[in-house]
């Protein structure tokens, strides 16, 4: 049976520094852009593009997404 030796500790310089948790923005809640329903952390969120302006992306709930796709909105790729 062979013997196991620990690997030598080599300082790694290619690992980027970890950002502080204070710099991260949370998206725990929000609102559907079409019906105004509150989107909790567990709610499904979908992004769609308005048929009137390709620059306007909206975050919508699951129910509004289904209706919006039938009205000419397109899903964001």
C-alpha atoms as a PDB file:
ATOM      1  CA  UNK A   1       0.000   0.000   0.000  1.00  0.00           C
ATOM      2  CA  UNK A   2       1.337   3.452  -0.920  1.00  0.00           C
ATOM      3  CA  UNK A   3       1.807   6.384   1.362  1.00  0.00           C
ATOM      4  CA  UNK A   4      -0.104   9.632   0.912  1.00  0.00           C
ATOM      5  CA  UNK A   5       1.764  12.892   1.226  1.00  0.00           C
ATOM      6  CA  UNK A   6       0.058  16.288   1.363  1.00  0.00           C
ATOM      7  CA  UNK A   7       0.506  18.604  -1.612  1.00  0.00           C
ATOM      8  CA  UNK A   8       2.805  21.571  -1.075  1.00  0.00           C
ATOM      9  CA  UNK A   9       1.041  24.871  -0.440  1.00  0.00           C
ATOM     10  CA  UNK A  10       1.583  27.185  -3.387  1.00  0.00           C
ATOM     11  CA  UNK A  11       0.183  30.716  -3.242  1.00  0.00           C
ATOM     12  CA  UNK A  12      -2.307  31.159  -6.061  1.00  0.00           C
ATOM     13  CA  UNK A  13      -2.187  34.503  -7.874  1.00  0.00           C
ATOM     14  CA  UNK A  14      -4.802  33.756 -10.544  1.00  0.00           C
ATOM     15  CA  UNK A  15      -7.773  33.719  -8.131  1.00  0.00           C
ATOM     16  CA  UNK A  16      -9.727  37.006  -8.164  1.00  0.00           C
ATOM     17  CA  UNK A  17     -10.494  38.607  -4.793  1.00  0.00           C
ATOM     18  CA  UNK A  18     -13.892  37.862  -3.273  1.00  0.00           C
ATOM     19  CA  UNK A  19     -16.257  40.818  -3.085  1.00  0.00           C
ATOM     20  CA  UNK A  20     -17.806  41.795   0.208  1.00  0.00           C
ATOM     21  CA  UNK A  21     -21.432  40.813   0.790  1.00  0.00           C
ATOM     22  CA  UNK A  22     -22.327  44.486   1.209  1.00  0.00           C
ATOM     23  CA  UNK A  23     -21.644  45.090  -2.496  1.00  0.00           C
ATOM     24  CA  UNK A  24     -24.177  42.504  -3.667  1.00  0.00           C
ATOM     25  CA  UNK A  25     -27.680  43.713  -4.453  1.00  0.00           C
ATOM     26  CA  UNK A  26     -30.565  41.483  -3.423  1.00  0.00           C
ATOM     27  CA  UNK A  27     -33.668  41.021  -5.585  1.00  0.00           C
ATOM     28  CA  UNK A  28     -35.852  39.438  -2.936  1.00  0.00           C
ATOM     29  CA  UNK A  29     -38.957  41.318  -3.984  1.00  0.00           C
ATOM     30  CA  UNK A  30     -40.267  43.346  -6.851  1.00  0.00           C
ATOM     31  CA  UNK A  31     -43.413  43.938  -8.807  1.00  0.00           C
ATOM     32  CA  UNK A  32     -44.809  42.607 -12.047  1.00  0.00           C
ATOM     33  CA  UNK A  33     -44.628  45.399 -14.627  1.00  0.00           C
ATOM     34  CA  UNK A  34     -48.048  44.495 -16.045  1.00  0.00           C
ATOM     35  CA  UNK A  35     -50.345  43.576 -13.146  1.00  0.00           C
ATOM     36  CA  UNK A  36     -48.370  45.019 -10.209  1.00  0.00           C
ATOM     37  CA  UNK A  37     -48.355  41.768  -8.223  1.00  0.00           C
ATOM     38  CA  UNK A  38     -45.524  41.477  -5.719  1.00  0.00           C
ATOM     39  CA  UNK A  39     -42.806  39.078  -6.877  1.00  0.00           C
ATOM     40  CA  UNK A  40     -41.362  37.341  -3.837  1.00  0.00           C
ATOM     41  CA  UNK A  41     -38.013  35.553  -3.799  1.00  0.00           C
ATOM     42  CA  UNK A  42     -39.697  32.251  -4.740  1.00  0.00           C
ATOM     43  CA  UNK A  43     -41.910  33.671  -7.508  1.00  0.00           C
ATOM     44  CA  UNK A  44     -41.113  32.932 -11.134  1.00  0.00           C
ATOM     45  CA  UNK A  45     -39.843  36.023 -12.937  1.00  0.00           C
ATOM     46  CA  UNK A  46     -39.799  36.398 -16.688  1.00  0.00           C
ATOM     47  CA  UNK A  47     -38.351  39.141 -18.864  1.00  0.00           C
ATOM     48  CA  UNK A  48     -40.215  40.150 -22.000  1.00  0.00           C
ATOM     49  CA  UNK A  49     -39.691  42.799 -24.670  1.00  0.00           C
ATOM     50  CA  UNK A  50     -42.462  45.255 -25.424  1.00  0.00           C
ATOM     51  CA  UNK A  51     -43.872  45.120 -28.984  1.00  0.00           C
ATOM     52  CA  UNK A  52     -43.882  48.932 -29.087  1.00  0.00           C
ATOM     53  CA  UNK A  53     -40.203  49.434 -28.263  1.00  0.00           C
ATOM     54  CA  UNK A  54     -37.409  46.888 -28.566  1.00  0.00           C
ATOM     55  CA  UNK A  55     -35.463  48.778 -25.874  1.00  0.00           C
ATOM     56  CA  UNK A  56     -38.142  48.309 -23.199  1.00  0.00           C
ATOM     57  CA  UNK A  57     -37.734  45.063 -21.258  1.00  0.00           C
ATOM     58  CA  UNK A  58     -40.238  44.232 -18.546  1.00  0.00           C
ATOM     59  CA  UNK A  59     -40.099  41.825 -15.622  1.00  0.00           C
ATOM     60  CA  UNK A  60     -43.426  40.033 -15.330  1.00  0.00           C
ATOM     61  CA  UNK A  61     -45.011  37.238 -13.315  1.00  0.00           C
ATOM     62  CA  UNK A  62     -45.747  33.809 -14.773  1.00  0.00           C
ATOM     63  CA  UNK A  63     -49.425  34.538 -15.388  1.00  0.00           C
ATOM     64  CA  UNK A  64     -48.771  37.843 -17.172  1.00  0.00           C
ATOM     65  CA  UNK A  65     -46.020  36.262 -19.261  1.00  0.00           C
ATOM     66  CA  UNK A  66     -48.456  33.804 -20.773  1.00  0.00           C
ATOM     67  CA  UNK A  67     -50.904  36.598 -21.582  1.00  0.00           C
ATOM     68  CA  UNK A  68     -48.184  38.944 -22.856  1.00  0.00           C
ATOM     69  CA  UNK A  69     -46.780  36.370 -25.288  1.00  0.00           C
ATOM     70  CA  UNK A  70     -50.247  36.118 -26.829  1.00  0.00           C
ATOM     71  CA  UNK A  71     -50.386  39.915 -27.209  1.00  0.00           C
ATOM     72  CA  UNK A  72     -47.146  40.292 -29.169  1.00  0.00           C
ATOM     73  CA  UNK A  73     -44.527  40.552 -26.422  1.00  0.00           C
ATOM     74  CA  UNK A  74     -41.377  38.498 -27.016  1.00  0.00           C
ATOM     75  CA  UNK A  75     -39.251  36.647 -24.438  1.00  0.00           C
ATOM     76  CA  UNK A  76     -35.805  38.064 -23.756  1.00  0.00           C
ATOM     77  CA  UNK A  77     -33.143  35.625 -25.026  1.00  0.00           C
END
